Amino acid sequence: MSGAALSLDALIAVLPPQIWYLTSNGDAMWCRRPYGFLFSNGPAAEAFAASMGTGQTLFAIGTDTRDFVSPEMLAGLQQTEVTRLFVDPQIDPDTGDVHGTILRLGEIH
């Protein structure tokens, strides 16, 4: 699903009804440009954060997808040069590479 760029409605349609994201401040989603990271559950998000070894204290926040995905959120990601979202990423223990479904963010309409 990393081919065509997704619109707002298409993004909402492919994500689970509830999503989790990582944050260090309780508000802003933690990202590693050009990637943002979304998860189906909190434990998976926090396990990913621990595996990343960012040096930051990251914790997971869950929310309804329709409340989280908005034109304002997508505009904020675009302003910070986040153009792709990993969904339920995992880290390869041998290489340290991150893999999983990647969604390309498109024009908001």
N, C-alpha and C. Protein backbone atom coordinates (compact mmCIF):
# COMPACT_ATOMS: atom_id res chain seq x y z
N MET A 1 0.82 -1.19 0.00
CA MET A 1 0.00 0.00 0.00
C MET A 1 0.86 1.25 0.00
N SER A 2 2.06 1.16 -0.49
CA SER A 2 2.94 2.33 -0.51
C SER A 2 2.99 2.97 -1.88
N GLY A 3 2.02 2.67 -2.76
CA GLY A 3 2.00 3.21 -4.11
C GLY A 3 1.47 4.63 -4.16
N ALA A 4 0.20 4.78 -4.52
CA ALA A 4 -0.40 6.10 -4.70
C ALA A 4 -0.55 6.83 -3.38
N ALA A 5 -0.49 8.15 -3.47
CA ALA A 5 -0.67 8.99 -2.28
C ALA A 5 -2.13 8.93 -1.84
N LEU A 6 -2.34 9.00 -0.54
CA LEU A 6 -3.69 8.90 0.03
C LEU A 6 -4.26 10.26 0.39
N SER A 7 -5.55 10.43 0.12
CA SER A 7 -6.27 11.61 0.56
C SER A 7 -6.73 11.38 2.00
N LEU A 8 -7.34 12.39 2.59
CA LEU A 8 -7.86 12.31 3.95
C LEU A 8 -8.85 11.16 4.10
N ASP A 9 -9.84 11.07 3.23
CA ASP A 9 -10.85 10.02 3.33
C ASP A 9 -10.24 8.64 3.12
N ALA A 10 -9.32 8.52 2.18
CA ALA A 10 -8.68 7.23 1.93
C ALA A 10 -7.84 6.80 3.13
N LEU A 11 -7.17 7.75 3.76
CA LEU A 11 -6.35 7.43 4.94
C LEU A 11 -7.23 6.91 6.07
N ILE A 12 -8.34 7.58 6.32
CA ILE A 12 -9.26 7.14 7.38
C ILE A 12 -9.79 5.74 7.06
N ALA A 13 -10.05 5.46 5.80
CA ALA A 13 -10.62 4.17 5.40
C ALA A 13 -9.65 3.01 5.62
N VAL A 14 -8.35 3.23 5.50
CA VAL A 14 -7.40 2.12 5.61
C VAL A 14 -6.87 1.92 7.03
N LEU A 15 -7.09 2.88 7.91
CA LEU A 15 -6.61 2.75 9.29
C LEU A 15 -7.65 2.05 10.16
N PRO A 16 -7.21 1.39 11.23
CA PRO A 16 -8.18 0.79 12.15
C PRO A 16 -9.00 1.89 12.83
N PRO A 17 -10.16 1.55 13.41
CA PRO A 17 -11.03 2.56 14.03
C PRO A 17 -10.35 3.33 15.17
N GLN A 18 -9.45 2.67 15.88
CA GLN A 18 -8.68 3.34 16.94
C GLN A 18 -7.21 3.18 16.61
N ILE A 19 -6.47 4.27 16.75
CA ILE A 19 -5.03 4.22 16.50
C ILE A 19 -4.29 4.77 17.71
N TRP A 20 -3.03 4.41 17.77
CA TRP A 20 -2.14 4.85 18.82
C TRP A 20 -0.94 5.51 18.18
N TYR A 21 -0.42 6.53 18.82
CA TYR A 21 0.81 7.17 18.35
C TYR A 21 1.71 7.41 19.55
N LEU A 22 2.98 7.63 19.26
CA LEU A 22 3.96 7.90 20.31
C LEU A 22 4.14 9.38 20.49
N THR A 23 4.35 9.79 21.72
CA THR A 23 4.57 11.20 22.03
C THR A 23 5.55 11.31 23.20
N SER A 24 6.23 12.42 23.26
CA SER A 24 7.10 12.69 24.41
C SER A 24 6.51 13.75 25.32
N ASN A 25 5.47 14.46 24.81
CA ASN A 25 4.92 15.56 25.57
C ASN A 25 3.41 15.45 25.83
N GLY A 26 2.81 14.34 25.42
CA GLY A 26 1.38 14.15 25.64
C GLY A 26 0.49 14.77 24.59
N ASP A 27 1.09 15.39 23.58
CA ASP A 27 0.31 16.05 22.55
C ASP A 27 0.84 15.71 21.15
N ALA A 28 2.01 16.22 20.83
CA ALA A 28 2.57 16.08 19.49
C ALA A 28 3.01 14.64 19.22
N MET A 29 2.71 14.17 18.01
CA MET A 29 3.11 12.83 17.61
C MET A 29 4.62 12.82 17.34
N TRP A 30 5.31 11.84 17.92
CA TRP A 30 6.74 11.68 17.67
C TRP A 30 6.92 11.11 16.27
N CYS A 31 7.82 11.72 15.52
CA CYS A 31 8.09 11.30 14.14
C CYS A 31 9.60 11.26 13.92
N ARG A 32 9.97 10.57 12.90
CA ARG A 32 11.36 10.56 12.43
C ARG A 32 11.27 10.81 10.93
N ARG A 33 11.40 12.10 10.57
CA ARG A 33 11.20 12.50 9.17
C ARG A 33 11.98 11.63 8.21
N PRO A 34 11.32 11.24 7.14
CA PRO A 34 9.99 11.62 6.63
C PRO A 34 8.86 10.72 7.13
N TYR A 35 9.10 9.96 8.20
CA TYR A 35 8.13 8.98 8.66
C TYR A 35 7.44 9.37 9.96
N GLY A 36 6.15 9.07 10.02
CA GLY A 36 5.37 9.07 11.25
C GLY A 36 5.00 7.62 11.53
N PHE A 37 4.56 7.33 12.74
CA PHE A 37 4.32 5.95 13.14
C PHE A 37 2.96 5.85 13.84
N LEU A 38 2.12 4.95 13.36
CA LEU A 38 0.81 4.69 13.96
C LEU A 38 0.70 3.21 14.28
N PHE A 39 -0.07 2.89 15.32
CA PHE A 39 -0.15 1.53 15.81
C PHE A 39 -1.59 1.14 16.10
N SER A 40 -1.85 -0.16 16.05
CA SER A 40 -3.19 -0.69 16.36
C SER A 40 -3.44 -0.79 17.85
N ASN A 41 -2.37 -0.79 18.67
CA ASN A 41 -2.57 -0.86 20.12
C ASN A 41 -1.39 -0.22 20.86
N GLY A 42 -1.64 0.16 22.09
CA GLY A 42 -0.64 0.85 22.90
C GLY A 42 0.59 0.02 23.23
N PRO A 43 0.43 -1.26 23.63
CA PRO A 43 1.62 -2.06 23.93
C PRO A 43 2.57 -2.19 22.74
N ALA A 44 2.03 -2.33 21.53
CA ALA A 44 2.88 -2.42 20.34
C ALA A 44 3.63 -1.11 20.13
N ALA A 45 2.95 0.01 20.35
CA ALA A 45 3.60 1.32 20.20
C ALA A 45 4.74 1.48 21.20
N GLU A 46 4.50 1.12 22.45
CA GLU A 46 5.53 1.30 23.47
C GLU A 46 6.68 0.31 23.29
N ALA A 47 6.40 -0.91 22.80
CA ALA A 47 7.47 -1.86 22.50
C ALA A 47 8.34 -1.33 21.36
N PHE A 48 7.71 -0.72 20.36
CA PHE A 48 8.45 -0.13 19.26
C PHE A 48 9.34 1.00 19.77
N ALA A 49 8.80 1.85 20.62
CA ALA A 49 9.57 2.98 21.16
C ALA A 49 10.79 2.47 21.92
N ALA A 50 10.61 1.43 22.72
CA ALA A 50 11.74 0.88 23.48
C ALA A 50 12.80 0.31 22.54
N SER A 51 12.37 -0.30 21.44
CA SER A 51 13.31 -0.88 20.49
C SER A 51 14.05 0.17 19.68
N MET A 52 13.42 1.33 19.49
CA MET A 52 14.05 2.40 18.69
C MET A 52 15.25 3.01 19.39
N GLY A 53 15.24 3.02 20.73
CA GLY A 53 16.36 3.60 21.45
C GLY A 53 16.59 5.06 21.11
N THR A 54 15.54 5.86 21.20
CA THR A 54 15.63 7.28 20.81
C THR A 54 16.33 8.15 21.86
N GLY A 55 16.44 7.65 23.08
CA GLY A 55 16.97 8.49 24.15
C GLY A 55 15.90 9.38 24.76
N GLN A 56 14.70 9.35 24.21
CA GLN A 56 13.58 10.12 24.74
C GLN A 56 12.63 9.18 25.48
N THR A 57 11.89 9.72 26.41
CA THR A 57 10.84 8.95 27.05
C THR A 57 9.58 9.13 26.20
N LEU A 58 9.21 8.08 25.51
CA LEU A 58 8.03 8.11 24.65
C LEU A 58 6.95 7.23 25.25
N PHE A 59 5.71 7.67 25.14
CA PHE A 59 4.59 6.86 25.59
C PHE A 59 3.49 6.93 24.55
N ALA A 60 2.59 5.95 24.60
CA ALA A 60 1.54 5.83 23.60
C ALA A 60 0.26 6.52 24.04
N ILE A 61 -0.40 7.14 23.08
CA ILE A 61 -1.72 7.73 23.28
C ILE A 61 -2.64 7.13 22.23
N GLY A 62 -3.80 6.66 22.68
CA GLY A 62 -4.79 6.09 21.77
C GLY A 62 -5.92 7.07 21.53
N THR A 63 -6.46 7.03 20.33
CA THR A 63 -7.56 7.92 19.98
C THR A 63 -8.36 7.30 18.84
N ASP A 64 -9.58 7.75 18.68
CA ASP A 64 -10.37 7.34 17.52
C ASP A 64 -9.73 7.92 16.26
N THR A 65 -9.62 7.10 15.25
CA THR A 65 -8.98 7.53 14.01
C THR A 65 -9.64 8.77 13.44
N ARG A 66 -10.97 8.80 13.44
CA ARG A 66 -11.67 9.97 12.86
C ARG A 66 -11.41 11.25 13.65
N ASP A 67 -11.12 11.13 14.94
CA ASP A 67 -10.78 12.32 15.73
C ASP A 67 -9.35 12.77 15.48
N PHE A 68 -8.48 11.81 15.19
CA PHE A 68 -7.06 12.12 15.01
C PHE A 68 -6.73 12.61 13.61
N VAL A 69 -7.25 11.91 12.60
CA VAL A 69 -6.93 12.25 11.21
C VAL A 69 -7.82 13.41 10.78
N SER A 70 -7.20 14.54 10.57
CA SER A 70 -7.93 15.75 10.19
C SER A 70 -7.08 16.55 9.21
N PRO A 71 -7.68 17.48 8.51
CA PRO A 71 -6.88 18.33 7.63
C PRO A 71 -5.76 19.06 8.40
N GLU A 72 -6.05 19.46 9.64
CA GLU A 72 -5.04 20.17 10.44
C GLU A 72 -3.87 19.25 10.79
N MET A 73 -4.18 17.99 11.15
CA MET A 73 -3.13 17.04 11.48
C MET A 73 -2.26 16.77 10.26
N LEU A 74 -2.90 16.53 9.12
CA LEU A 74 -2.13 16.25 7.91
C LEU A 74 -1.31 17.46 7.48
N ALA A 75 -1.87 18.64 7.63
CA ALA A 75 -1.11 19.86 7.29
C ALA A 75 0.10 20.00 8.20
N GLY A 76 -0.07 19.68 9.49
CA GLY A 76 1.05 19.73 10.43
C GLY A 76 2.14 18.74 10.06
N LEU A 77 1.75 17.55 9.65
CA LEU A 77 2.74 16.56 9.22
C LEU A 77 3.48 17.05 7.98
N GLN A 78 2.74 17.60 7.04
CA GLN A 78 3.37 18.11 5.82
C GLN A 78 4.33 19.27 6.13
N GLN A 79 3.96 20.14 7.06
CA GLN A 79 4.83 21.26 7.45
C GLN A 79 6.12 20.78 8.08
N THR A 80 6.07 19.64 8.76
CA THR A 80 7.28 19.10 9.38
C THR A 80 7.95 18.06 8.49
N GLU A 81 7.53 18.02 7.22
CA GLU A 81 8.11 17.16 6.20
C GLU A 81 7.93 15.66 6.47
N VAL A 82 6.84 15.31 7.14
CA VAL A 82 6.47 13.91 7.30
C VAL A 82 5.55 13.58 6.13
N THR A 83 6.00 12.69 5.25
CA THR A 83 5.26 12.38 4.03
C THR A 83 4.78 10.94 3.97
N ARG A 84 5.17 10.14 4.96
CA ARG A 84 4.78 8.74 4.99
C ARG A 84 4.46 8.31 6.42
N LEU A 85 3.49 7.43 6.53
CA LEU A 85 3.12 6.90 7.83
C LEU A 85 3.32 5.39 7.84
N PHE A 86 4.12 4.91 8.77
CA PHE A 86 4.20 3.48 9.02
C PHE A 86 3.00 3.10 9.87
N VAL A 87 2.36 1.98 9.53
CA VAL A 87 1.27 1.45 10.34
C VAL A 87 1.74 0.12 10.91
N ASP A 88 1.72 0.02 12.23
CA ASP A 88 2.20 -1.16 12.96
C ASP A 88 3.60 -1.57 12.52
N PRO A 89 4.55 -0.63 12.56
CA PRO A 89 5.92 -0.98 12.17
C PRO A 89 6.57 -1.92 13.17
N GLN A 90 7.54 -2.64 12.67
CA GLN A 90 8.35 -3.51 13.51
C GLN A 90 9.81 -3.29 13.15
N ILE A 91 10.68 -3.62 14.10
CA ILE A 91 12.11 -3.46 13.88
C ILE A 91 12.73 -4.84 13.73
N ASP A 92 13.47 -5.03 12.64
CA ASP A 92 14.18 -6.29 12.42
C ASP A 92 15.29 -6.39 13.45
N PRO A 93 15.28 -7.41 14.31
CA PRO A 93 16.28 -7.50 15.37
C PRO A 93 17.71 -7.69 14.86
N ASP A 94 17.86 -8.24 13.65
CA ASP A 94 19.20 -8.47 13.11
C ASP A 94 19.79 -7.23 12.45
N THR A 95 18.95 -6.48 11.73
CA THR A 95 19.47 -5.33 10.97
C THR A 95 19.13 -3.99 11.60
N GLY A 96 18.09 -3.95 12.43
CA GLY A 96 17.63 -2.68 12.97
C GLY A 96 16.74 -1.91 12.01
N ASP A 97 16.47 -2.48 10.84
CA ASP A 97 15.61 -1.83 9.85
C ASP A 97 14.16 -1.85 10.32
N VAL A 98 13.45 -0.78 10.02
CA VAL A 98 12.02 -0.69 10.32
C VAL A 98 11.26 -1.17 9.09
N HIS A 99 10.28 -2.03 9.30
CA HIS A 99 9.48 -2.52 8.19
C HIS A 99 8.02 -2.58 8.59
N GLY A 100 7.16 -2.60 7.59
CA GLY A 100 5.73 -2.64 7.81
C GLY A 100 5.02 -1.89 6.70
N THR A 101 3.73 -1.74 6.85
CA THR A 101 2.93 -1.01 5.87
C THR A 101 3.28 0.47 5.92
N ILE A 102 3.52 1.06 4.75
CA ILE A 102 3.82 2.49 4.66
C ILE A 102 2.73 3.14 3.81
N LEU A 103 2.12 4.18 4.34
CA LEU A 103 1.10 4.95 3.62
C LEU A 103 1.69 6.28 3.21
N ARG A 104 1.62 6.61 1.93
CA ARG A 104 2.09 7.90 1.45
C ARG A 104 0.98 8.93 1.62
N LEU A 105 1.32 10.06 2.21
CA LEU A 105 0.34 11.13 2.40
C LEU A 105 0.26 11.94 1.12
N GLY A 106 -0.97 12.22 0.70
CA GLY A 106 -1.18 12.99 -0.52
C GLY A 106 -1.77 14.35 -0.23
N GLU A 107 -2.25 14.95 -1.26
CA GLU A 107 -2.93 16.24 -1.13
C GLU A 107 -4.19 16.04 -0.29
N ILE A 108 -4.51 17.01 0.51
CA ILE A 108 -5.69 16.92 1.38
C ILE A 108 -6.90 17.40 0.59
N HIS A 109 -7.87 16.49 0.42
CA HIS A 109 -9.13 16.85 -0.25
C HIS A 109 -10.22 15.90 0.15
